[in-house]
Amino acid sequence: MARSTSASPASSERPSGGVGVGVAIALALVWSAAQAKEPPRQGLADMLLEYLGVRYPGTPLGGHILYVSVQRQQLFHVVDGRVRDSYPIATARAGLGNTADSFRTPPGLHRVVEKIGGGLPPGAVLKDRRPTGEVADLARADRSRDVITSRILRLEGLEDGVNRGGGVDSYARQIYVHGTGDEGSLNTPSSMGCVRMGNADIIALFDQVPVGTLVVILDN
């Protein structure tokens, strides 16, 4: 879930976040080659790193990188240039977008700026980034409630005018990667702007990635 700020949108939606066309097409072709089979994970990682190097020159690309593929509703955890894991996710029901009050998932380059919820039991409900004491019944999802559960990776945008500053600031919008009380919603765009994950998955990911991890959200 993403709580929007009260600021009026400062610019029109930027659904692609300035994705380089050539590398974005190449990433799409890597996916196309994987129809009905396990994706060529190392080829995907290689193309991702090539894209990041071209799009964001000078950005350190060693260590951990999280790649959110919106079209595939998958999050890939890349470590030192190799795909370690992939997870089903849910991005925004309203699609990609960067402005406040849009309830859309912001595209582009981010980083993990804060890790919240370490040590909480699976399904623990958080509100305003604090545990409420409630533990969601994960076997009986209440779809009338959009609750944040288990762990939060809070994101900060790194691109001025795209996901940082003014009315497009991902940190001010409270964009997270987080656990959900409705795991049945995964694999389908269904969130209010954040990136939802299964509870076991977000706990595993939380324990592996450090603050400062790059997160790139792409519409492919």
N, C-alpha and C. Protein backbone atom coordinates (compact mmCIF):
# COMPACT_ATOMS: atom_id res chain seq x y z
N MET A 1 0.85 -1.18 0.00
CA MET A 1 0.00 0.00 0.00
C MET A 1 0.88 1.23 0.00
N ALA A 2 0.48 2.25 -0.71
CA ALA A 2 1.23 3.49 -0.74
C ALA A 2 0.32 4.62 -0.31
N ARG A 3 0.69 5.29 0.78
CA ARG A 3 -0.09 6.44 1.21
C ARG A 3 0.38 7.64 0.43
N SER A 4 -0.51 8.29 -0.27
CA SER A 4 -0.13 9.43 -1.08
C SER A 4 0.00 10.67 -0.21
N THR A 5 0.77 11.65 -0.70
CA THR A 5 0.86 12.92 -0.01
C THR A 5 -0.26 13.81 -0.46
N SER A 6 -0.43 14.96 0.20
CA SER A 6 -1.50 15.88 -0.14
C SER A 6 -1.09 16.84 -1.24
N ALA A 7 0.17 16.78 -1.67
CA ALA A 7 0.62 17.71 -2.70
C ALA A 7 -0.05 17.42 -4.01
N SER A 8 -0.35 18.47 -4.77
CA SER A 8 -0.94 18.29 -6.08
C SER A 8 0.12 17.79 -7.03
N PRO A 9 -0.28 16.98 -8.06
CA PRO A 9 0.71 16.49 -9.01
C PRO A 9 1.45 17.65 -9.66
N ALA A 10 2.77 17.52 -9.72
CA ALA A 10 3.58 18.59 -10.27
C ALA A 10 3.89 18.39 -11.73
N SER A 11 3.61 17.18 -12.24
CA SER A 11 3.88 16.92 -13.64
C SER A 11 2.97 15.81 -14.11
N SER A 12 2.91 15.62 -15.42
CA SER A 12 2.10 14.54 -15.96
C SER A 12 2.77 13.21 -15.66
N GLU A 13 1.99 12.12 -15.76
CA GLU A 13 2.54 10.80 -15.49
C GLU A 13 3.66 10.49 -16.48
N ARG A 14 4.69 9.80 -15.98
CA ARG A 14 5.77 9.34 -16.84
C ARG A 14 5.79 7.83 -16.75
N PRO A 15 5.00 7.10 -17.55
CA PRO A 15 4.82 5.68 -17.33
C PRO A 15 6.05 4.83 -17.55
N SER A 16 7.02 5.30 -18.32
CA SER A 16 8.16 4.43 -18.61
C SER A 16 9.39 4.77 -17.80
N GLY A 17 9.46 5.96 -17.20
CA GLY A 17 10.63 6.36 -16.45
C GLY A 17 11.85 6.53 -17.32
N GLY A 18 11.65 6.82 -18.62
CA GLY A 18 12.77 7.08 -19.50
C GLY A 18 13.55 5.84 -19.86
N VAL A 19 12.87 4.70 -20.00
CA VAL A 19 13.54 3.45 -20.32
C VAL A 19 14.22 3.55 -21.67
N GLY A 20 15.51 3.16 -21.75
CA GLY A 20 16.21 3.13 -23.03
C GLY A 20 15.55 2.12 -23.95
N VAL A 21 15.13 2.56 -25.14
CA VAL A 21 14.31 1.74 -26.02
C VAL A 21 15.05 0.48 -26.43
N GLY A 22 16.32 0.61 -26.85
CA GLY A 22 17.04 -0.55 -27.36
C GLY A 22 17.19 -1.65 -26.33
N VAL A 23 17.64 -1.29 -25.14
CA VAL A 23 17.84 -2.31 -24.11
C VAL A 23 16.51 -2.83 -23.59
N ALA A 24 15.50 -1.96 -23.51
CA ALA A 24 14.18 -2.42 -23.09
C ALA A 24 13.64 -3.46 -24.06
N ILE A 25 13.84 -3.24 -25.37
CA ILE A 25 13.41 -4.22 -26.36
C ILE A 25 14.19 -5.52 -26.19
N ALA A 26 15.48 -5.40 -25.93
CA ALA A 26 16.29 -6.60 -25.73
C ALA A 26 15.82 -7.39 -24.53
N LEU A 27 15.49 -6.70 -23.45
CA LEU A 27 14.94 -7.39 -22.28
C LEU A 27 13.66 -8.11 -22.63
N ALA A 28 12.81 -7.46 -23.43
CA ALA A 28 11.55 -8.08 -23.84
C ALA A 28 11.82 -9.32 -24.69
N LEU A 29 12.83 -9.28 -25.55
CA LEU A 29 13.16 -10.43 -26.38
C LEU A 29 13.66 -11.60 -25.54
N VAL A 30 14.43 -11.28 -24.50
CA VAL A 30 14.87 -12.35 -23.60
C VAL A 30 13.68 -13.06 -22.99
N TRP A 31 12.69 -12.27 -22.59
CA TRP A 31 11.47 -12.86 -22.03
C TRP A 31 10.74 -13.69 -23.08
N SER A 32 10.62 -13.19 -24.31
CA SER A 32 9.88 -13.88 -25.35
C SER A 32 10.49 -15.25 -25.63
N ALA A 33 11.79 -15.34 -25.55
CA ALA A 33 12.47 -16.61 -25.80
C ALA A 33 12.16 -17.64 -24.74
N ALA A 34 11.56 -17.21 -23.64
CA ALA A 34 11.32 -18.11 -22.50
C ALA A 34 9.90 -18.61 -22.42
N GLN A 35 9.12 -18.46 -23.46
CA GLN A 35 7.71 -18.83 -23.39
C GLN A 35 7.58 -20.29 -22.98
N ALA A 36 6.71 -20.52 -21.98
CA ALA A 36 6.36 -21.85 -21.49
C ALA A 36 7.56 -22.58 -20.87
N LYS A 37 8.66 -21.89 -20.66
CA LYS A 37 9.83 -22.50 -20.05
C LYS A 37 10.38 -21.58 -18.98
N GLU A 38 11.30 -22.12 -18.20
CA GLU A 38 11.99 -21.29 -17.20
C GLU A 38 12.73 -20.17 -17.91
N PRO A 39 12.59 -18.90 -17.47
CA PRO A 39 13.30 -17.80 -18.13
C PRO A 39 14.80 -18.02 -18.12
N PRO A 40 15.50 -17.56 -19.18
CA PRO A 40 16.97 -17.66 -19.21
C PRO A 40 17.55 -16.67 -18.23
N ARG A 41 17.68 -17.09 -16.99
CA ARG A 41 17.92 -16.15 -15.89
C ARG A 41 19.21 -15.38 -16.06
N GLN A 42 20.28 -16.05 -16.49
CA GLN A 42 21.53 -15.31 -16.60
C GLN A 42 21.50 -14.33 -17.76
N GLY A 43 20.83 -14.70 -18.86
CA GLY A 43 20.68 -13.76 -19.96
C GLY A 43 19.91 -12.53 -19.54
N LEU A 44 18.89 -12.74 -18.71
CA LEU A 44 18.11 -11.62 -18.20
C LEU A 44 18.97 -10.71 -17.34
N ALA A 45 19.77 -11.29 -16.47
CA ALA A 45 20.64 -10.49 -15.60
C ALA A 45 21.66 -9.71 -16.42
N ASP A 46 22.22 -10.34 -17.45
CA ASP A 46 23.20 -9.66 -18.29
C ASP A 46 22.58 -8.46 -18.99
N MET A 47 21.38 -8.63 -19.53
CA MET A 47 20.71 -7.54 -20.23
C MET A 47 20.32 -6.43 -19.25
N LEU A 48 19.90 -6.82 -18.05
CA LEU A 48 19.55 -5.82 -17.05
C LEU A 48 20.76 -4.96 -16.70
N LEU A 49 21.89 -5.59 -16.46
CA LEU A 49 23.09 -4.83 -16.10
C LEU A 49 23.55 -3.95 -17.26
N GLU A 50 23.39 -4.44 -18.49
CA GLU A 50 23.73 -3.61 -19.65
C GLU A 50 22.83 -2.38 -19.70
N TYR A 51 21.53 -2.59 -19.49
CA TYR A 51 20.59 -1.47 -19.48
C TYR A 51 20.95 -0.45 -18.41
N LEU A 52 21.20 -0.94 -17.20
CA LEU A 52 21.50 -0.03 -16.10
C LEU A 52 22.79 0.75 -16.37
N GLY A 53 23.78 0.08 -16.96
CA GLY A 53 25.03 0.76 -17.25
C GLY A 53 24.87 1.87 -18.28
N VAL A 54 23.97 1.66 -19.25
CA VAL A 54 23.72 2.68 -20.28
C VAL A 54 22.83 3.78 -19.74
N ARG A 55 21.77 3.40 -19.05
CA ARG A 55 20.78 4.37 -18.58
C ARG A 55 21.28 5.19 -17.41
N TYR A 56 22.08 4.57 -16.54
CA TYR A 56 22.56 5.25 -15.32
C TYR A 56 24.07 5.13 -15.23
N PRO A 57 24.82 5.75 -16.14
CA PRO A 57 26.28 5.60 -16.14
C PRO A 57 26.88 6.08 -14.82
N GLY A 58 27.86 5.33 -14.37
CA GLY A 58 28.52 5.67 -13.11
C GLY A 58 27.88 5.07 -11.88
N THR A 59 26.71 4.45 -12.04
CA THR A 59 26.04 3.82 -10.90
C THR A 59 26.71 2.49 -10.58
N PRO A 60 27.16 2.26 -9.34
CA PRO A 60 27.77 0.97 -8.99
C PRO A 60 26.77 -0.17 -9.16
N LEU A 61 27.16 -1.20 -9.87
CA LEU A 61 26.24 -2.30 -10.19
C LEU A 61 26.67 -3.62 -9.56
N GLY A 62 27.62 -3.59 -8.63
CA GLY A 62 27.97 -4.79 -7.90
C GLY A 62 27.00 -5.01 -6.74
N GLY A 63 27.12 -6.15 -6.09
CA GLY A 63 26.27 -6.42 -4.94
C GLY A 63 24.84 -6.74 -5.33
N HIS A 64 23.90 -6.26 -4.53
CA HIS A 64 22.49 -6.61 -4.67
C HIS A 64 21.74 -5.60 -5.54
N ILE A 65 20.91 -6.11 -6.45
CA ILE A 65 19.99 -5.29 -7.24
C ILE A 65 18.65 -6.01 -7.28
N LEU A 66 17.57 -5.27 -7.06
CA LEU A 66 16.22 -5.81 -7.20
C LEU A 66 15.61 -5.25 -8.47
N TYR A 67 15.14 -6.13 -9.33
CA TYR A 67 14.53 -5.75 -10.61
C TYR A 67 13.06 -6.14 -10.56
N VAL A 68 12.18 -5.14 -10.65
CA VAL A 68 10.73 -5.35 -10.66
C VAL A 68 10.25 -5.30 -12.11
N SER A 69 9.80 -6.44 -12.61
CA SER A 69 9.24 -6.52 -13.96
C SER A 69 7.72 -6.41 -13.85
N VAL A 70 7.18 -5.26 -14.27
CA VAL A 70 5.75 -5.01 -14.08
C VAL A 70 4.91 -5.91 -14.97
N GLN A 71 5.29 -6.08 -16.22
CA GLN A 71 4.48 -6.91 -17.11
C GLN A 71 4.44 -8.35 -16.66
N ARG A 72 5.54 -8.85 -16.13
CA ARG A 72 5.60 -10.25 -15.68
C ARG A 72 5.18 -10.42 -14.23
N GLN A 73 5.01 -9.31 -13.51
CA GLN A 73 4.67 -9.37 -12.09
C GLN A 73 5.64 -10.29 -11.34
N GLN A 74 6.92 -10.01 -11.56
CA GLN A 74 8.00 -10.76 -10.92
C GLN A 74 9.05 -9.79 -10.40
N LEU A 75 9.64 -10.15 -9.27
CA LEU A 75 10.79 -9.42 -8.73
C LEU A 75 11.99 -10.36 -8.79
N PHE A 76 13.07 -9.89 -9.39
CA PHE A 76 14.30 -10.66 -9.51
C PHE A 76 15.36 -10.08 -8.57
N HIS A 77 15.98 -10.95 -7.82
CA HIS A 77 17.06 -10.56 -6.92
C HIS A 77 18.38 -10.95 -7.58
N VAL A 78 19.12 -9.94 -8.00
CA VAL A 78 20.39 -10.14 -8.69
C VAL A 78 21.52 -9.81 -7.71
N VAL A 79 22.47 -10.72 -7.60
CA VAL A 79 23.61 -10.53 -6.70
C VAL A 79 24.90 -10.74 -7.49
N ASP A 80 25.73 -9.70 -7.52
CA ASP A 80 27.00 -9.77 -8.24
C ASP A 80 26.82 -10.27 -9.67
N GLY A 81 25.77 -9.76 -10.32
CA GLY A 81 25.56 -10.05 -11.73
C GLY A 81 24.84 -11.35 -12.03
N ARG A 82 24.39 -12.07 -11.02
CA ARG A 82 23.69 -13.34 -11.23
C ARG A 82 22.35 -13.32 -10.51
N VAL A 83 21.34 -13.93 -11.14
CA VAL A 83 20.01 -13.99 -10.54
C VAL A 83 20.03 -15.03 -9.43
N ARG A 84 19.79 -14.58 -8.20
CA ARG A 84 19.75 -15.49 -7.07
C ARG A 84 18.36 -16.09 -6.90
N ASP A 85 17.33 -15.24 -7.00
CA ASP A 85 15.95 -15.69 -6.79
C ASP A 85 15.01 -14.83 -7.60
N SER A 86 13.80 -15.36 -7.82
CA SER A 86 12.71 -14.55 -8.38
C SER A 86 11.45 -14.85 -7.59
N TYR A 87 10.58 -13.84 -7.48
CA TYR A 87 9.40 -13.94 -6.62
C TYR A 87 8.18 -13.37 -7.34
N PRO A 88 7.00 -13.97 -7.14
CA PRO A 88 5.77 -13.35 -7.64
C PRO A 88 5.45 -12.11 -6.82
N ILE A 89 4.93 -11.10 -7.49
CA ILE A 89 4.61 -9.83 -6.82
C ILE A 89 3.27 -9.32 -7.33
N ALA A 90 2.85 -8.19 -6.77
CA ALA A 90 1.71 -7.44 -7.30
C ALA A 90 2.07 -5.96 -7.26
N THR A 91 2.05 -5.32 -8.41
CA THR A 91 2.23 -3.87 -8.48
C THR A 91 0.85 -3.21 -8.55
N ALA A 92 0.81 -1.92 -8.84
CA ALA A 92 -0.43 -1.16 -8.70
C ALA A 92 -1.51 -1.58 -9.70
N ARG A 93 -2.71 -1.65 -9.19
CA ARG A 93 -3.88 -1.90 -10.03
C ARG A 93 -4.02 -0.83 -11.11
N ALA A 94 -3.65 0.40 -10.77
CA ALA A 94 -3.79 1.53 -11.69
C ALA A 94 -2.62 1.65 -12.66
N GLY A 95 -1.63 0.77 -12.57
CA GLY A 95 -0.52 0.79 -13.49
C GLY A 95 0.65 1.62 -12.99
N LEU A 96 1.55 1.96 -13.91
CA LEU A 96 2.73 2.75 -13.57
C LEU A 96 2.43 4.24 -13.59
N GLY A 97 3.05 4.97 -12.69
CA GLY A 97 2.91 6.42 -12.64
C GLY A 97 3.67 6.96 -11.46
N ASN A 98 4.00 8.25 -11.53
CA ASN A 98 4.92 8.78 -10.53
C ASN A 98 4.34 9.87 -9.65
N THR A 99 3.15 10.39 -9.93
CA THR A 99 2.67 11.55 -9.19
C THR A 99 1.97 11.17 -7.89
N ALA A 100 2.00 12.10 -6.96
CA ALA A 100 1.29 11.93 -5.69
C ALA A 100 -0.20 11.76 -5.96
N ASP A 101 -0.85 10.97 -5.11
CA ASP A 101 -2.29 10.72 -5.19
C ASP A 101 -2.70 9.91 -6.41
N SER A 102 -1.75 9.32 -7.12
CA SER A 102 -2.10 8.55 -8.31
C SER A 102 -2.37 7.08 -8.01
N PHE A 103 -1.88 6.58 -6.87
CA PHE A 103 -1.99 5.17 -6.50
C PHE A 103 -1.40 4.27 -7.59
N ARG A 104 -0.32 4.74 -8.20
CA ARG A 104 0.39 3.98 -9.22
C ARG A 104 1.79 3.63 -8.71
N THR A 105 2.37 2.60 -9.31
CA THR A 105 3.73 2.19 -8.96
C THR A 105 4.73 3.04 -9.74
N PRO A 106 5.68 3.67 -9.05
CA PRO A 106 6.60 4.58 -9.73
C PRO A 106 7.70 3.84 -10.49
N PRO A 107 7.95 4.21 -11.75
CA PRO A 107 9.01 3.57 -12.51
C PRO A 107 10.37 4.15 -12.19
N GLY A 108 11.39 3.50 -12.70
CA GLY A 108 12.74 4.05 -12.62
C GLY A 108 13.58 3.47 -11.51
N LEU A 109 14.69 4.15 -11.24
CA LEU A 109 15.69 3.67 -10.30
C LEU A 109 15.41 4.19 -8.90
N HIS A 110 15.43 3.27 -7.95
CA HIS A 110 15.24 3.56 -6.53
C HIS A 110 16.35 2.87 -5.74
N ARG A 111 16.33 3.11 -4.43
CA ARG A 111 17.16 2.32 -3.53
C ARG A 111 16.37 2.05 -2.26
N VAL A 112 16.76 0.96 -1.58
CA VAL A 112 16.18 0.66 -0.27
C VAL A 112 16.80 1.62 0.73
N VAL A 113 15.96 2.45 1.34
CA VAL A 113 16.46 3.46 2.27
C VAL A 113 16.20 3.08 3.73
N GLU A 114 15.30 2.12 3.94
CA GLU A 114 14.95 1.74 5.31
C GLU A 114 14.39 0.33 5.29
N LYS A 115 14.75 -0.47 6.31
CA LYS A 115 14.22 -1.81 6.50
C LYS A 115 13.46 -1.84 7.82
N ILE A 116 12.21 -2.29 7.76
CA ILE A 116 11.32 -2.18 8.91
C ILE A 116 10.64 -3.53 9.16
N GLY A 117 10.60 -3.94 10.41
CA GLY A 117 9.84 -5.13 10.79
C GLY A 117 10.67 -6.35 11.10
N GLY A 118 11.98 -6.22 11.14
CA GLY A 118 12.82 -7.37 11.45
C GLY A 118 12.43 -8.03 12.76
N GLY A 119 12.30 -9.36 12.73
CA GLY A 119 11.95 -10.11 13.93
C GLY A 119 10.47 -10.30 14.16
N LEU A 120 9.61 -9.61 13.41
CA LEU A 120 8.17 -9.79 13.58
C LEU A 120 7.73 -11.14 13.02
N PRO A 121 6.66 -11.72 13.57
CA PRO A 121 6.18 -13.00 13.04
C PRO A 121 5.56 -12.83 11.66
N PRO A 122 5.55 -13.89 10.85
CA PRO A 122 4.90 -13.80 9.55
C PRO A 122 3.44 -13.37 9.69
N GLY A 123 3.04 -12.42 8.87
CA GLY A 123 1.66 -11.92 8.92
C GLY A 123 1.44 -10.78 9.88
N ALA A 124 2.47 -10.38 10.64
CA ALA A 124 2.31 -9.24 11.55
C ALA A 124 1.90 -8.01 10.76
N VAL A 125 0.87 -7.32 11.23
CA VAL A 125 0.33 -6.15 10.53
C VAL A 125 1.07 -4.90 10.98
N LEU A 126 1.46 -4.08 10.01
CA LEU A 126 2.12 -2.81 10.31
C LEU A 126 1.26 -1.66 9.79
N LYS A 127 1.19 -0.61 10.57
CA LYS A 127 0.50 0.62 10.17
C LYS A 127 1.40 1.79 10.51
N ASP A 128 1.57 2.70 9.57
CA ASP A 128 2.53 3.80 9.76
C ASP A 128 3.90 3.26 10.14
N ARG A 129 4.24 2.10 9.57
CA ARG A 129 5.54 1.45 9.75
C ARG A 129 5.78 0.95 11.17
N ARG A 130 4.71 0.76 11.92
CA ARG A 130 4.82 0.22 13.28
C ARG A 130 3.89 -0.98 13.41
N PRO A 131 4.32 -2.03 14.13
CA PRO A 131 3.45 -3.18 14.33
C PRO A 131 2.24 -2.82 15.17
N THR A 132 1.08 -3.31 14.77
CA THR A 132 -0.15 -3.02 15.50
C THR A 132 -0.43 -4.05 16.59
N GLY A 133 0.26 -5.17 16.56
CA GLY A 133 -0.02 -6.27 17.47
C GLY A 133 -0.91 -7.32 16.84
N GLU A 134 -1.53 -7.00 15.72
CA GLU A 134 -2.38 -7.95 15.01
C GLU A 134 -1.51 -8.83 14.11
N VAL A 135 -1.89 -10.08 13.97
CA VAL A 135 -1.28 -10.98 12.99
C VAL A 135 -2.38 -11.42 12.03
N ALA A 136 -2.21 -11.11 10.76
CA ALA A 136 -3.23 -11.43 9.76
C ALA A 136 -3.37 -12.93 9.60
N ASP A 137 -4.60 -13.38 9.37
CA ASP A 137 -4.87 -14.78 9.06
C ASP A 137 -4.60 -14.97 7.57
N LEU A 138 -3.42 -15.44 7.24
CA LEU A 138 -3.01 -15.52 5.84
C LEU A 138 -3.77 -16.59 5.08
N ALA A 139 -4.39 -17.52 5.78
CA ALA A 139 -5.18 -18.55 5.11
C ALA A 139 -6.56 -18.06 4.73
N ARG A 140 -6.97 -16.92 5.30
CA ARG A 140 -8.31 -16.38 5.02
C ARG A 140 -8.16 -14.88 4.76
N ALA A 141 -7.77 -14.56 3.55
CA ALA A 141 -7.51 -13.17 3.19
C ALA A 141 -8.78 -12.34 3.23
N ASP A 142 -8.68 -11.16 3.83
CA ASP A 142 -9.78 -10.20 3.85
C ASP A 142 -9.47 -9.13 2.81
N ARG A 143 -10.07 -9.27 1.63
CA ARG A 143 -9.74 -8.37 0.54
C ARG A 143 -10.34 -6.98 0.70
N SER A 144 -11.14 -6.80 1.72
CA SER A 144 -11.67 -5.46 2.00
C SER A 144 -10.63 -4.60 2.73
N ARG A 145 -9.53 -5.23 3.18
CA ARG A 145 -8.47 -4.51 3.89
C ARG A 145 -7.17 -4.63 3.11
N ASP A 146 -6.52 -3.52 2.89
CA ASP A 146 -5.23 -3.51 2.20
C ASP A 146 -4.14 -3.35 3.25
N VAL A 147 -3.79 -4.47 3.91
CA VAL A 147 -2.87 -4.38 5.03
C VAL A 147 -1.44 -4.68 4.59
N ILE A 148 -0.50 -4.08 5.30
CA ILE A 148 0.92 -4.32 5.12
C ILE A 148 1.36 -5.30 6.20
N THR A 149 2.06 -6.36 5.79
CA THR A 149 2.39 -7.42 6.74
C THR A 149 3.87 -7.80 6.69
N SER A 150 4.35 -8.30 7.80
CA SER A 150 5.64 -8.99 7.96
C SER A 150 6.87 -8.09 7.89
N ARG A 151 7.14 -7.49 6.73
CA ARG A 151 8.35 -6.69 6.55
C ARG A 151 8.09 -5.56 5.56
N ILE A 152 8.88 -4.49 5.68
CA ILE A 152 8.83 -3.37 4.75
C ILE A 152 10.24 -3.03 4.29
N LEU A 153 10.42 -2.91 2.99
CA LEU A 153 11.60 -2.27 2.41
C LEU A 153 11.12 -0.93 1.85
N ARG A 154 11.49 0.16 2.51
CA ARG A 154 11.04 1.48 2.06
C ARG A 154 11.95 1.99 0.95
N LEU A 155 11.35 2.54 -0.10
CA LEU A 155 12.11 2.97 -1.26
C LEU A 155 12.26 4.48 -1.33
N GLU A 156 13.38 4.89 -1.88
CA GLU A 156 13.68 6.29 -2.16
C GLU A 156 14.03 6.40 -3.64
N GLY A 157 13.36 7.31 -4.36
CA GLY A 157 13.67 7.52 -5.76
C GLY A 157 15.04 8.16 -5.94
N LEU A 158 15.68 7.83 -7.06
CA LEU A 158 17.01 8.36 -7.36
C LEU A 158 17.04 9.21 -8.63
N GLU A 159 15.86 9.46 -9.22
CA GLU A 159 15.81 10.22 -10.47
C GLU A 159 15.00 11.50 -10.26
N ASP A 160 15.67 12.62 -10.28
CA ASP A 160 14.99 13.90 -10.10
C ASP A 160 13.93 14.09 -11.19
N GLY A 161 12.73 14.48 -10.76
CA GLY A 161 11.65 14.73 -11.69
C GLY A 161 10.93 13.49 -12.18
N VAL A 162 11.46 12.32 -11.86
CA VAL A 162 10.82 11.06 -12.23
C VAL A 162 10.24 10.38 -10.99
N ASN A 163 11.07 10.22 -9.96
CA ASN A 163 10.60 9.60 -8.72
C ASN A 163 11.21 10.26 -7.48
N ARG A 164 11.79 11.45 -7.69
CA ARG A 164 12.37 12.20 -6.56
C ARG A 164 12.08 13.69 -6.73
N GLY A 165 11.59 14.28 -5.63
CA GLY A 165 11.34 15.72 -5.62
C GLY A 165 9.93 16.08 -6.06
N GLY A 166 9.52 17.28 -5.67
CA GLY A 166 8.23 17.82 -6.11
C GLY A 166 7.07 16.89 -5.81
N GLY A 167 6.18 16.75 -6.76
CA GLY A 167 5.00 15.90 -6.58
C GLY A 167 5.19 14.49 -7.07
N VAL A 168 6.45 14.07 -7.26
CA VAL A 168 6.71 12.73 -7.79
C VAL A 168 7.62 11.91 -6.87
N ASP A 169 7.74 12.30 -5.63
CA ASP A 169 8.74 11.72 -4.74
C ASP A 169 8.27 10.39 -4.15
N SER A 170 8.96 9.31 -4.50
CA SER A 170 8.56 7.98 -4.03
C SER A 170 8.67 7.84 -2.52
N TYR A 171 9.67 8.48 -1.91
CA TYR A 171 9.80 8.41 -0.46
C TYR A 171 8.63 9.11 0.21
N ALA A 172 8.28 10.30 -0.26
CA ALA A 172 7.14 11.03 0.31
C ALA A 172 5.83 10.29 0.08
N ARG A 173 5.73 9.57 -1.02
CA ARG A 173 4.52 8.80 -1.33
C ARG A 173 4.44 7.52 -0.49
N GLN A 174 5.50 7.20 0.22
CA GLN A 174 5.57 5.99 1.04
C GLN A 174 5.40 4.73 0.18
N ILE A 175 6.29 4.63 -0.79
CA ILE A 175 6.32 3.45 -1.65
C ILE A 175 7.22 2.40 -1.02
N TYR A 176 6.68 1.20 -0.86
CA TYR A 176 7.39 0.10 -0.21
C TYR A 176 7.39 -1.15 -1.09
N VAL A 177 8.32 -2.05 -0.79
CA VAL A 177 8.17 -3.47 -1.09
C VAL A 177 7.78 -4.10 0.24
N HIS A 178 6.65 -4.81 0.28
CA HIS A 178 6.14 -5.27 1.58
C HIS A 178 5.33 -6.55 1.44
N GLY A 179 5.14 -7.22 2.58
CA GLY A 179 4.27 -8.37 2.62
C GLY A 179 2.81 -7.96 2.57
N THR A 180 1.96 -8.91 2.17
CA THR A 180 0.54 -8.62 2.02
C THR A 180 -0.31 -9.64 2.77
N GLY A 181 -1.44 -9.19 3.26
CA GLY A 181 -2.40 -10.09 3.88
C GLY A 181 -3.25 -10.82 2.87
N ASP A 182 -3.08 -10.51 1.58
CA ASP A 182 -3.86 -11.12 0.51
C ASP A 182 -2.90 -11.73 -0.51
N GLU A 183 -2.32 -12.86 -0.15
CA GLU A 183 -1.34 -13.49 -1.03
C GLU A 183 -1.95 -13.99 -2.33
N GLY A 184 -3.27 -14.17 -2.34
CA GLY A 184 -3.95 -14.56 -3.57
C GLY A 184 -3.95 -13.48 -4.64
N SER A 185 -3.59 -12.25 -4.25
CA SER A 185 -3.55 -11.15 -5.21
C SER A 185 -2.24 -11.11 -5.99
N LEU A 186 -1.27 -11.91 -5.60
CA LEU A 186 0.02 -11.89 -6.29
C LEU A 186 -0.12 -12.39 -7.72
N ASN A 187 0.79 -11.96 -8.56
CA ASN A 187 0.79 -12.24 -10.00
C ASN A 187 -0.20 -11.40 -10.79
N THR A 188 -0.91 -10.51 -10.11
CA THR A 188 -1.89 -9.64 -10.77
C THR A 188 -1.71 -8.22 -10.24
N PRO A 189 -1.67 -7.20 -11.10
CA PRO A 189 -1.59 -5.83 -10.60
C PRO A 189 -2.80 -5.52 -9.72
N SER A 190 -2.58 -5.28 -8.44
CA SER A 190 -3.71 -5.17 -7.51
C SER A 190 -3.42 -4.28 -6.31
N SER A 191 -2.24 -3.69 -6.23
CA SER A 191 -1.90 -2.88 -5.06
C SER A 191 -2.34 -1.44 -5.24
N MET A 192 -2.08 -0.64 -4.21
CA MET A 192 -2.39 0.79 -4.26
C MET A 192 -1.16 1.62 -4.65
N GLY A 193 -0.13 0.96 -5.13
CA GLY A 193 1.07 1.66 -5.56
C GLY A 193 2.37 0.97 -5.17
N CYS A 194 2.34 0.26 -4.05
CA CYS A 194 3.53 -0.45 -3.59
C CYS A 194 3.75 -1.74 -4.37
N VAL A 195 4.83 -2.43 -4.04
CA VAL A 195 5.12 -3.75 -4.59
C VAL A 195 4.83 -4.77 -3.49
N ARG A 196 3.78 -5.56 -3.68
CA ARG A 196 3.40 -6.58 -2.71
C ARG A 196 4.19 -7.86 -2.95
N MET A 197 4.49 -8.57 -1.86
CA MET A 197 5.13 -9.88 -1.94
C MET A 197 4.46 -10.83 -0.96
N GLY A 198 4.66 -12.13 -1.20
CA GLY A 198 4.24 -13.11 -0.22
C GLY A 198 5.04 -12.96 1.06
N ASN A 199 4.48 -13.38 2.17
CA ASN A 199 5.12 -13.13 3.46
C ASN A 199 6.43 -13.90 3.64
N ALA A 200 6.44 -15.18 3.27
CA ALA A 200 7.69 -15.93 3.36
C ALA A 200 8.76 -15.32 2.44
N ASP A 201 8.32 -14.84 1.28
CA ASP A 201 9.27 -14.27 0.32
C ASP A 201 9.86 -12.95 0.82
N ILE A 202 9.02 -12.06 1.34
CA ILE A 202 9.55 -10.76 1.80
C ILE A 202 10.46 -10.95 3.01
N ILE A 203 10.14 -11.93 3.86
CA ILE A 203 11.02 -12.19 5.01
C ILE A 203 12.38 -12.69 4.53
N ALA A 204 12.37 -13.61 3.55
CA ALA A 204 13.63 -14.12 3.02
C ALA A 204 14.43 -13.01 2.35
N LEU A 205 13.76 -12.18 1.56
CA LEU A 205 14.45 -11.10 0.86
C LEU A 205 14.98 -10.06 1.84
N PHE A 206 14.17 -9.71 2.82
CA PHE A 206 14.54 -8.73 3.85
C PHE A 206 15.85 -9.14 4.53
N ASP A 207 15.99 -10.43 4.80
CA ASP A 207 17.17 -10.92 5.51
C ASP A 207 18.43 -10.90 4.64
N GLN A 208 18.26 -10.75 3.33
CA GLN A 208 19.41 -10.81 2.42
C GLN A 208 19.90 -9.46 1.94
N VAL A 209 18.98 -8.51 1.74
CA VAL A 209 19.40 -7.26 1.08
C VAL A 209 19.71 -6.18 2.11
N PRO A 210 20.78 -5.43 1.91
CA PRO A 210 21.12 -4.34 2.83
C PRO A 210 20.44 -3.04 2.44
N VAL A 211 20.38 -2.11 3.38
CA VAL A 211 19.99 -0.74 3.05
C VAL A 211 20.95 -0.22 1.98
N GLY A 212 20.41 0.47 1.01
CA GLY A 212 21.21 0.96 -0.11
C GLY A 212 21.07 0.13 -1.37
N THR A 213 20.44 -1.04 -1.26
CA THR A 213 20.24 -1.89 -2.44
C THR A 213 19.48 -1.14 -3.52
N LEU A 214 19.97 -1.21 -4.76
CA LEU A 214 19.28 -0.58 -5.89
C LEU A 214 18.03 -1.38 -6.24
N VAL A 215 16.97 -0.66 -6.59
CA VAL A 215 15.71 -1.26 -7.03
C VAL A 215 15.30 -0.56 -8.31
N VAL A 216 15.18 -1.32 -9.40
CA VAL A 216 14.76 -0.72 -10.67
C VAL A 216 13.40 -1.30 -11.05
N ILE A 217 12.46 -0.42 -11.35
CA ILE A 217 11.10 -0.80 -11.70
C ILE A 217 10.89 -0.45 -13.17
N LEU A 218 10.61 -1.48 -13.99
CA LEU A 218 10.50 -1.30 -15.43
C LEU A 218 9.20 -1.89 -15.94
N ASP A 219 8.65 -1.27 -16.98
CA ASP A 219 7.42 -1.75 -17.60
C ASP A 219 7.76 -2.73 -18.71
N ASN A 220 8.26 -3.89 -18.29
CA ASN A 220 8.55 -4.94 -19.28
C ASN A 220 8.42 -6.30 -18.60
